[in-house]
Amino acid sequence: MYNKVNLYFRRKIIMNKKLTSLSLAGVMLLSTASPVFAATEAAMKETKEPTKMEQLVKDGKEKMTEAKEKVAPKLEEVKEALNKEIAKEKAVRESKNLKEAKDDVITNYENAIAAAKSIANDKEAKPEQFENALKALVEAHEKLGFKADAKVEEKKEVKTVDVKATTQKVKLDGKDVVIYGYNIDGYNYFKLRDLAAVLKDSKAKFGVEYKDALVTLTKGADYKVAETDQKEVKAMSKGMLTNDKVMVGDKALTATAYKVDDSNYYKLRDLGEALGFGVDFDKATNTVLLMSEKEVKEEKVAPKLEELKEAVKKELVNEKEVRESEAYKKADDKVKSNFENAVAAAKSLLADEKATAEQFTNELKALVEAKEQLGFKADVKVEEKKEVKEAKKEMEKDVKDAKKEMKKDVKEAKEEVKETAKEAK
């Protein structure tokens, strides 16, 4: 009897265990089939940690948002700085500095102010265009002696270039002279003191004074040669562009210069332009020619205003073609900026009813040069006026007549000599 009861309870326990297992299996099956359980499970999956790729995308979006927030105020600052520089225009135009400045400095300012105005009013202008316009206008003001209200930060690293000692002979007024310098990109560069030593006994002599960290050159002043002058240079070296300020009288020197081994070397042609001596090159003898008296070129009669306007318009016709060209895409930032400023200045002048012929002449020249730097040939040349051509023809006729008269005089002189010889016999 006892054994039967015990067997009964054992069977009961086994049966309960089977029921429990079946219940658990049912619950699991229900969880995968029921929409409620499936949604709950999906929600649980969504709360899991993101994958590495998802995290990278998320971080990238956050950085882009931060960058946009930082760029916006910077652009507004550049715009404000540009407007401050533009506000100086009236003071600059009325200044003595502008009236006495050289043509290239005036042209540089006119281009910069026109480009700045155009970009300031352009709602689609990019931050880079604002920065380039601001930099160009600040530099133009500084060349005229006006201090900048805004500081333009240089983003580019200072680059060095390989320089070689020049091997070309140099002559001054036809006589051989010795001067050491460097040839950089096909141009000769010399020290100011070395050049002063070479020109000291000529009409192009100039003095060099260093005071309060500023170099001042004085035309016509005597120069005393120092022991450190006229020293040979290394055959090869490294150089970098420098903008150390140099004055010619009371005006800033506009010249390309490189610092090589702690000494500044200036482009010879720029110095000739600033100091009033001539520079030429004799390719046949590989000789640099210096002339103490610069040749005065015949001035051309300025073209009419309407002719200049038409010429500027023709240069702007292929603006889109230039921007889409490979030459433009591969050009460095300086060349691109030069083109953009020239185009903006040209458009601004065309819209200005008070613009003068001189302004159009300067802008046409700047636009043509900007396109030529990108390999585009000028579409138009501004021809001389009819009066100039007629004057040249008349001059040529006078020369021919003078030659005929000389031949006639020589012939008569020879006849007189013959007659005298006959009488002597």
Protein backbone atom coordinates (compact mmCIF):
# COMPACT_ATOMS: atom_id res chain seq x y z
CA MET A 1 0.00 0.00 0.00
CA TYR A 2 2.78 2.39 0.95
CA ASN A 3 4.63 1.71 -2.30
CA LYS A 4 1.54 2.45 -4.39
CA VAL A 5 1.02 5.81 -2.66
CA ASN A 6 4.68 6.76 -3.14
CA LEU A 7 4.55 5.88 -6.86
CA TYR A 8 1.43 8.05 -7.26
CA PHE A 9 3.15 11.15 -5.82
CA ARG A 10 6.23 10.63 -7.98
CA ARG A 11 4.08 10.53 -11.12
CA LYS A 12 2.33 13.73 -9.95
CA ILE A 13 5.64 15.62 -9.54
CA ILE A 14 6.86 14.54 -13.01
CA MET A 15 3.58 15.64 -14.55
CA ASN A 16 3.83 19.09 -12.87
CA LYS A 17 7.38 19.56 -14.21
CA LYS A 18 6.22 18.77 -17.76
CA LEU A 19 3.37 21.28 -17.46
CA THR A 20 5.79 23.96 -16.25
CA SER A 21 8.12 23.33 -19.21
CA LEU A 22 5.22 23.50 -21.63
CA SER A 23 4.06 26.80 -20.08
CA LEU A 24 7.51 28.37 -20.47
CA ALA A 25 7.73 27.22 -24.08
CA GLY A 26 4.32 28.75 -24.75
CA VAL A 27 5.34 32.06 -23.28
CA MET A 28 8.49 32.14 -25.46
CA LEU A 29 6.48 31.24 -28.57
CA LEU A 30 3.98 33.98 -27.77
CA SER A 31 6.70 36.58 -27.37
CA THR A 32 7.99 35.99 -30.91
CA ALA A 33 4.56 35.83 -32.52
CA SER A 34 2.71 38.61 -30.70
CA PRO A 35 3.05 42.19 -32.08
CA VAL A 36 3.09 43.56 -28.55
CA PHE A 37 6.02 41.43 -27.50
CA ALA A 38 7.81 42.12 -30.84
CA ALA A 39 7.46 45.88 -30.41
CA THR A 40 8.76 45.66 -26.87
CA GLU A 41 11.75 43.67 -28.06
CA ALA A 42 12.45 46.18 -30.90
CA ALA A 43 12.31 49.04 -28.44
CA MET A 44 14.84 47.25 -26.26
CA LYS A 45 17.16 46.83 -29.28
CA GLU A 46 16.91 50.58 -30.05
CA THR A 47 18.25 51.45 -26.64
CA LYS A 48 21.43 49.49 -27.31
CA GLU A 49 24.74 51.35 -27.75
CA PRO A 50 25.41 52.63 -31.36
CA THR A 51 27.97 50.93 -33.59
CA LYS A 52 31.35 52.55 -34.34
CA MET A 53 30.11 53.74 -37.73
CA GLU A 54 26.98 55.26 -36.21
CA GLN A 55 29.09 57.02 -33.58
CA LEU A 56 31.44 58.44 -36.24
CA VAL A 57 28.50 59.85 -38.22
CA LYS A 58 27.04 61.35 -35.07
CA ASP A 59 30.37 62.96 -34.08
CA GLY A 60 30.79 64.33 -37.62
CA LYS A 61 27.38 66.00 -37.54
CA GLU A 62 28.14 67.59 -34.18
CA LYS A 63 31.47 68.96 -35.46
CA MET A 64 29.83 70.40 -38.57
CA THR A 65 27.25 72.15 -36.42
CA GLU A 66 29.99 73.58 -34.21
CA ALA A 67 31.97 74.72 -37.27
CA LYS A 68 28.94 76.51 -38.73
CA GLU A 69 28.36 78.28 -35.45
CA LYS A 70 31.99 79.44 -35.40
CA VAL A 71 32.13 80.54 -39.08
CA ALA A 72 29.04 82.74 -38.92
CA PRO A 73 30.39 85.34 -36.46
CA LYS A 74 33.79 85.31 -38.22
CA LEU A 75 32.19 86.26 -41.54
CA GLU A 76 30.31 89.11 -39.89
CA GLU A 77 33.58 90.35 -38.38
CA VAL A 78 35.27 90.35 -41.80
CA LYS A 79 32.30 92.20 -43.34
CA GLU A 80 32.44 94.83 -40.61
CA ALA A 81 36.21 95.23 -41.04
CA LEU A 82 35.79 95.63 -44.82
CA ASN A 83 33.13 98.31 -44.37
CA LYS A 84 35.44 100.20 -41.99
CA GLU A 85 38.19 100.23 -44.61
CA ILE A 86 35.73 101.36 -47.31
CA ALA A 87 34.62 104.23 -45.05
CA LYS A 88 38.10 105.77 -45.42
CA GLU A 89 37.59 106.41 -49.14
CA LYS A 90 36.77 110.12 -48.90
CA ALA A 91 39.73 110.83 -46.61
CA VAL A 92 42.06 108.88 -48.89
CA ARG A 93 40.90 110.66 -52.06
CA GLU A 94 41.34 114.08 -50.46
CA SER A 95 44.75 113.21 -49.04
CA LYS A 96 48.08 114.53 -50.27
CA ASN A 97 49.40 110.96 -50.28
CA LEU A 98 47.08 109.89 -53.10
CA LYS A 99 47.74 112.99 -55.19
CA GLU A 100 51.52 112.47 -55.00
CA ALA A 101 51.49 108.67 -55.29
CA LYS A 102 52.81 106.78 -58.32
CA ASP A 103 50.42 105.55 -60.99
CA ASP A 104 50.78 101.88 -60.02
CA VAL A 105 49.98 102.66 -56.37
CA ILE A 106 46.91 104.69 -57.40
CA THR A 107 45.79 101.92 -59.76
CA ASN A 108 46.21 99.37 -56.98
CA TYR A 109 44.01 101.47 -54.67
CA GLU A 110 41.31 102.08 -57.31
CA ASN A 111 41.09 98.36 -58.06
CA ALA A 112 40.99 97.44 -54.37
CA ILE A 113 38.27 99.96 -53.41
CA ALA A 114 36.11 99.07 -56.43
CA ALA A 115 36.41 95.34 -55.69
CA ALA A 116 35.67 95.89 -52.00
CA LYS A 117 32.47 97.84 -52.75
CA SER A 118 31.31 95.23 -55.24
CA ILE A 119 31.84 92.34 -52.82
CA ALA A 120 30.35 94.23 -49.86
CA ASN A 121 27.09 94.58 -51.84
CA ASP A 122 27.11 91.01 -53.15
CA LYS A 123 24.79 88.83 -51.03
CA GLU A 124 26.19 85.66 -52.62
CA ALA A 125 29.85 86.53 -51.98
CA LYS A 126 31.81 83.82 -50.17
CA PRO A 127 33.84 84.33 -46.95
CA GLU A 128 37.06 83.82 -48.92
CA GLN A 129 36.11 86.67 -51.28
CA PHE A 130 35.50 89.01 -48.33
CA GLU A 131 38.87 88.09 -46.81
CA ASN A 132 40.72 88.63 -50.11
CA ALA A 133 39.01 91.99 -50.67
CA LEU A 134 39.81 93.12 -47.12
CA LYS A 135 43.44 92.09 -47.45
CA ALA A 136 43.83 93.86 -50.82
CA LEU A 137 42.25 97.09 -49.52
CA VAL A 138 44.34 97.09 -46.34
CA GLU A 139 47.53 96.65 -48.38
CA ALA A 140 46.46 99.42 -50.78
CA HIS A 141 45.86 101.77 -47.82
CA GLU A 142 49.23 100.92 -46.29
CA LYS A 143 51.03 101.72 -49.57
CA LEU A 144 49.44 105.17 -49.36
CA GLY A 145 50.54 105.58 -45.75
CA PHE A 146 47.16 104.89 -44.12
CA LYS A 147 47.15 102.61 -41.10
CA ALA A 148 44.73 99.69 -41.23
CA ASP A 149 41.81 99.51 -38.77
CA ALA A 150 41.63 95.75 -39.26
CA LYS A 151 44.33 93.15 -39.02
CA VAL A 152 44.37 90.60 -41.80
CA GLU A 153 45.81 87.32 -40.63
CA GLU A 154 48.03 85.37 -42.97
CA LYS A 155 46.84 81.80 -43.30
CA LYS A 156 49.61 80.62 -45.58
CA GLU A 157 52.89 79.31 -44.29
CA VAL A 158 56.05 81.19 -45.19
CA LYS A 159 57.58 79.36 -48.14
CA THR A 160 61.25 79.28 -49.04
CA VAL A 161 62.62 79.18 -52.58
CA ASP A 162 65.91 78.02 -54.01
CA VAL A 163 68.08 80.95 -55.14
CA LYS A 164 71.19 80.93 -57.33
CA ALA A 165 73.99 83.47 -57.56
CA THR A 166 73.57 85.49 -60.76
CA THR A 167 76.13 84.73 -63.47
CA GLN A 168 75.18 87.62 -65.74
CA LYS A 169 77.61 90.46 -66.41
CA VAL A 170 76.54 93.99 -65.47
CA LYS A 171 77.36 97.23 -67.28
CA LEU A 172 76.69 100.80 -66.16
CA ASP A 173 76.48 103.30 -69.02
CA GLY A 174 78.47 100.89 -71.19
CA LYS A 175 81.23 100.15 -68.66
CA ASP A 176 81.69 96.86 -66.79
CA VAL A 177 80.88 96.93 -63.07
CA VAL A 178 81.04 94.28 -60.35
CA ILE A 179 78.01 93.54 -58.21
CA TYR A 180 76.96 90.28 -56.55
CA GLY A 181 73.38 89.12 -56.22
CA TYR A 182 70.86 86.37 -56.91
CA ASN A 183 68.76 85.34 -59.87
CA ILE A 184 65.23 84.37 -58.79
CA ASP A 185 62.62 83.32 -61.37
CA GLY A 186 64.62 84.99 -64.14
CA TYR A 187 65.01 88.35 -62.36
CA ASN A 188 68.13 89.81 -60.71
CA TYR A 189 68.05 90.81 -57.05
CA PHE A 190 70.70 92.94 -55.32
CA LYS A 191 71.36 94.51 -51.92
CA LEU A 192 70.51 98.19 -51.60
CA ARG A 193 73.99 99.12 -50.35
CA ASP A 194 75.75 97.14 -53.10
CA LEU A 195 73.70 98.92 -55.75
CA ALA A 196 74.35 102.28 -54.08
CA ALA A 197 78.09 101.51 -54.22
CA VAL A 198 77.88 100.81 -57.97
CA LEU A 199 75.89 103.98 -58.73
CA LYS A 200 77.73 106.34 -56.33
CA ASP A 201 79.60 108.25 -59.08
CA SER A 202 76.69 108.42 -61.55
CA LYS A 203 73.68 110.68 -61.99
CA ALA A 204 71.55 107.91 -60.48
CA LYS A 205 73.40 107.89 -57.14
CA PHE A 206 71.40 107.53 -53.94
CA GLY A 207 72.09 107.47 -50.21
CA VAL A 208 71.17 104.70 -47.78
CA GLU A 209 70.35 105.46 -44.15
CA TYR A 210 69.30 103.04 -41.43
CA LYS A 211 67.62 104.65 -38.43
CA ASP A 212 65.03 103.46 -35.91
CA ALA A 213 64.72 100.09 -37.69
CA LEU A 214 63.79 101.84 -40.95
CA VAL A 215 65.82 102.08 -44.19
CA THR A 216 65.52 105.36 -46.11
CA LEU A 217 66.88 105.89 -49.64
CA THR A 218 67.60 109.45 -50.79
CA LYS A 219 67.90 110.18 -54.51
CA GLY A 220 70.95 112.22 -55.51
CA ALA A 221 72.64 111.82 -52.11
CA ASP A 222 76.27 110.68 -51.78
CA TYR A 223 77.03 107.16 -50.65
CA LYS A 224 80.11 106.13 -48.72
CA VAL A 225 81.16 102.56 -49.46
CA ALA A 226 81.44 100.34 -46.36
CA GLU A 227 83.74 97.35 -45.82
CA THR A 228 80.73 95.02 -45.81
CA ASP A 229 79.66 96.10 -49.31
CA GLN A 230 80.26 94.12 -52.51
CA LYS A 231 80.89 90.73 -50.88
CA GLU A 232 80.48 87.56 -52.92
CA VAL A 233 77.35 85.49 -52.29
CA LYS A 234 76.86 81.73 -52.01
CA ALA A 235 76.40 79.81 -55.25
CA MET A 236 73.16 78.30 -53.89
CA SER A 237 70.97 79.31 -50.95
CA LYS A 238 67.40 79.59 -49.68
CA GLY A 239 65.27 82.72 -49.71
CA MET A 240 61.84 83.86 -48.59
CA LEU A 241 59.70 86.84 -49.50
CA THR A 242 60.00 89.79 -47.12
CA ASN A 243 57.99 92.98 -46.71
CA ASP A 244 60.42 94.96 -44.55
CA LYS A 245 59.53 98.62 -45.01
CA VAL A 246 61.88 100.84 -47.03
CA MET A 247 61.28 104.52 -47.81
CA VAL A 248 62.36 106.43 -50.91
CA GLY A 249 62.26 109.96 -49.58
CA ASP A 250 58.84 110.22 -47.92
CA LYS A 251 57.23 107.42 -49.97
CA ALA A 252 57.24 103.68 -49.33
CA LEU A 253 59.30 101.61 -51.75
CA THR A 254 57.20 99.28 -53.90
CA ALA A 255 59.52 96.40 -54.76
CA THR A 256 59.66 92.62 -54.54
CA ALA A 257 62.29 91.51 -52.04
CA TYR A 258 63.71 88.25 -50.69
CA LYS A 259 65.55 87.66 -47.45
CA VAL A 260 68.59 85.44 -48.08
CA ASP A 261 71.03 84.61 -45.27
CA ASP A 262 69.67 87.48 -43.12
CA SER A 263 70.14 90.08 -45.89
CA ASN A 264 67.45 91.63 -48.09
CA TYR A 265 67.79 91.48 -51.88
CA TYR A 266 65.52 93.68 -54.04
CA LYS A 267 64.37 93.20 -57.63
CA LEU A 268 66.60 95.36 -59.84
CA ARG A 269 63.82 96.48 -62.19
CA ASP A 270 61.66 97.64 -59.27
CA LEU A 271 64.57 99.65 -57.87
CA GLY A 272 65.18 101.23 -61.27
CA GLU A 273 61.54 102.29 -61.42
CA ALA A 274 61.63 103.75 -57.90
CA LEU A 275 65.06 105.43 -58.07
CA GLY A 276 64.98 106.66 -61.65
CA PHE A 277 67.65 104.65 -63.47
CA GLY A 278 67.18 102.47 -66.54
CA VAL A 279 67.41 98.67 -66.61
CA ASP A 280 67.70 96.56 -69.75
CA PHE A 281 69.11 93.20 -70.83
CA ASP A 282 71.31 92.25 -73.78
CA LYS A 283 70.39 88.64 -74.55
CA ALA A 284 73.22 88.18 -77.08
CA THR A 285 75.93 88.87 -74.49
CA ASN A 286 73.94 87.80 -71.39
CA THR A 287 74.55 91.24 -69.88
CA VAL A 288 72.44 93.41 -67.58
CA LEU A 289 72.51 97.03 -68.77
CA LEU A 290 72.15 99.89 -66.28
CA MET A 291 71.60 103.45 -67.51
CA SER A 292 72.11 106.29 -65.04
CA GLU A 293 69.69 108.43 -67.07
CA LYS A 294 66.36 106.78 -67.68
CA GLU A 295 64.91 107.17 -71.16
CA VAL A 296 61.75 109.27 -71.32
CA LYS A 297 59.17 107.43 -73.40
CA GLU A 298 56.74 109.27 -75.66
CA GLU A 299 53.42 109.72 -73.91
CA LYS A 300 50.38 108.46 -75.77
CA VAL A 301 47.20 110.47 -76.07
CA ALA A 302 44.60 108.86 -73.84
CA PRO A 303 41.72 107.08 -75.62
CA LYS A 304 38.18 108.39 -75.25
CA LEU A 305 36.03 107.34 -72.29
CA GLU A 306 33.51 105.44 -74.43
CA GLU A 307 36.29 103.48 -76.15
CA LEU A 308 37.65 102.46 -72.77
CA LYS A 309 34.23 101.39 -71.49
CA GLU A 310 33.71 99.25 -74.57
CA ALA A 311 37.16 97.70 -74.13
CA VAL A 312 36.41 96.80 -70.50
CA LYS A 313 33.08 95.22 -71.50
CA LYS A 314 34.82 93.07 -74.13
CA GLU A 315 37.27 91.80 -71.53
CA LEU A 316 34.36 90.79 -69.25
CA VAL A 317 32.54 88.79 -71.96
CA ASN A 318 34.41 85.53 -71.30
CA GLU A 319 34.33 85.80 -67.48
CA LYS A 320 32.42 82.49 -67.17
CA GLU A 321 34.79 80.76 -69.59
CA VAL A 322 37.79 81.85 -67.53
CA ARG A 323 36.30 80.54 -64.28
CA GLU A 324 35.47 77.16 -65.84
CA SER A 325 38.90 76.77 -67.44
CA GLU A 326 41.55 74.33 -66.22
CA ALA A 327 44.02 77.20 -65.98
CA TYR A 328 41.80 78.94 -63.40
CA LYS A 329 41.19 75.76 -61.41
CA LYS A 330 44.91 74.98 -61.23
CA ALA A 331 46.02 78.57 -60.54
CA ASP A 332 47.25 79.55 -57.07
CA ASP A 333 45.11 81.64 -54.71
CA LYS A 334 46.99 84.87 -55.45
CA VAL A 335 46.34 84.67 -59.21
CA LYS A 336 42.66 83.77 -58.64
CA SER A 337 42.24 86.61 -56.15
CA ASN A 338 43.86 89.04 -58.59
CA PHE A 339 41.38 88.01 -61.32
CA GLU A 340 38.33 88.19 -59.02
CA ASN A 341 39.33 91.64 -57.75
CA ALA A 342 39.91 92.90 -61.30
CA VAL A 343 36.52 91.60 -62.49
CA ALA A 344 34.70 93.05 -59.47
CA ALA A 345 36.43 96.41 -59.92
CA ALA A 346 35.59 96.48 -63.64
CA LYS A 347 31.88 95.81 -62.99
CA SER A 348 31.81 98.45 -60.27
CA LEU A 349 33.36 101.05 -62.61
CA LEU A 350 30.88 100.28 -65.40
CA ALA A 351 28.06 100.93 -62.93
CA ASP A 352 29.64 104.21 -61.77
CA GLU A 353 28.44 107.14 -63.91
CA LYS A 354 31.13 109.41 -62.44
CA ALA A 355 34.07 107.12 -63.26
CA THR A 356 36.86 108.86 -65.18
CA ALA A 357 38.80 107.81 -68.28
CA GLU A 358 41.90 107.41 -66.11
CA GLN A 359 40.07 104.95 -63.83
CA PHE A 360 38.90 102.91 -66.84
CA THR A 361 42.43 102.92 -68.29
CA ASN A 362 43.86 101.59 -65.04
CA GLU A 363 41.12 98.99 -64.66
CA LEU A 364 41.42 97.79 -68.26
CA LYS A 365 45.15 97.30 -67.75
CA ALA A 366 44.57 95.40 -64.48
CA LEU A 367 41.91 93.15 -66.06
CA VAL A 368 44.04 92.34 -69.11
CA GLU A 369 47.04 91.49 -66.91
CA ALA A 370 44.89 89.31 -64.63
CA LYS A 371 43.63 87.31 -67.63
CA GLU A 372 47.10 87.02 -69.12
CA GLN A 373 48.34 85.51 -65.85
CA LEU A 374 45.76 82.77 -66.42
CA GLY A 375 46.90 82.28 -70.02
CA PHE A 376 44.05 84.17 -71.71
CA LYS A 377 44.99 86.54 -74.51
CA ALA A 378 43.53 90.04 -74.37
CA ASP A 379 40.46 90.49 -76.62
CA VAL A 380 41.10 94.16 -77.15
CA LYS A 381 43.92 96.63 -77.46
CA VAL A 382 43.34 100.33 -76.91
CA GLU A 383 44.68 102.07 -79.99
CA GLU A 384 46.41 105.41 -80.06
CA LYS A 385 44.47 108.41 -81.20
CA LYS A 386 44.67 109.59 -84.80
CA GLU A 387 46.65 112.68 -83.76
CA VAL A 388 49.47 110.52 -82.36
CA LYS A 389 49.72 108.44 -85.53
CA GLU A 390 49.79 111.57 -87.69
CA ALA A 391 52.46 113.11 -85.47
CA LYS A 392 54.62 110.01 -85.87
CA LYS A 393 54.23 110.05 -89.66
CA GLU A 394 55.13 113.73 -89.75
CA MET A 395 58.19 113.06 -87.61
CA GLU A 396 59.32 110.26 -89.92
CA LYS A 397 58.88 112.58 -92.92
CA ASP A 398 60.97 115.28 -91.25
CA VAL A 399 63.75 112.76 -90.60
CA LYS A 400 63.74 111.65 -94.27
CA ASP A 401 63.84 115.28 -95.46
CA ALA A 402 66.70 116.02 -93.08
CA LYS A 403 68.67 113.06 -94.45
CA LYS A 404 68.13 114.28 -98.02
CA GLU A 405 69.37 117.75 -97.08
CA MET A 406 72.45 116.25 -95.43
CA LYS A 407 73.25 114.21 -98.56
CA LYS A 408 72.83 117.33 -100.70
CA ASP A 409 75.17 119.34 -98.45
CA VAL A 410 77.78 116.57 -98.52
CA LYS A 411 77.61 116.41 -102.32
CA GLU A 412 78.03 120.18 -102.62
CA ALA A 413 80.96 120.09 -100.20
CA LYS A 414 82.67 117.41 -102.28
CA GLU A 415 82.21 119.50 -105.43
CA GLU A 416 83.76 122.51 -103.71
CA VAL A 417 86.74 120.41 -102.63
CA LYS A 418 87.27 119.23 -106.22
CA GLU A 419 87.08 122.79 -107.55
CA THR A 420 89.56 123.98 -104.93
CA ALA A 421 91.93 121.15 -105.84
CA LYS A 422 91.77 122.09 -109.55
CA GLU A 423 92.50 125.74 -108.79
CA ALA A 424 95.47 124.73 -106.64
CA LYS A 425 96.98 122.83 -109.56
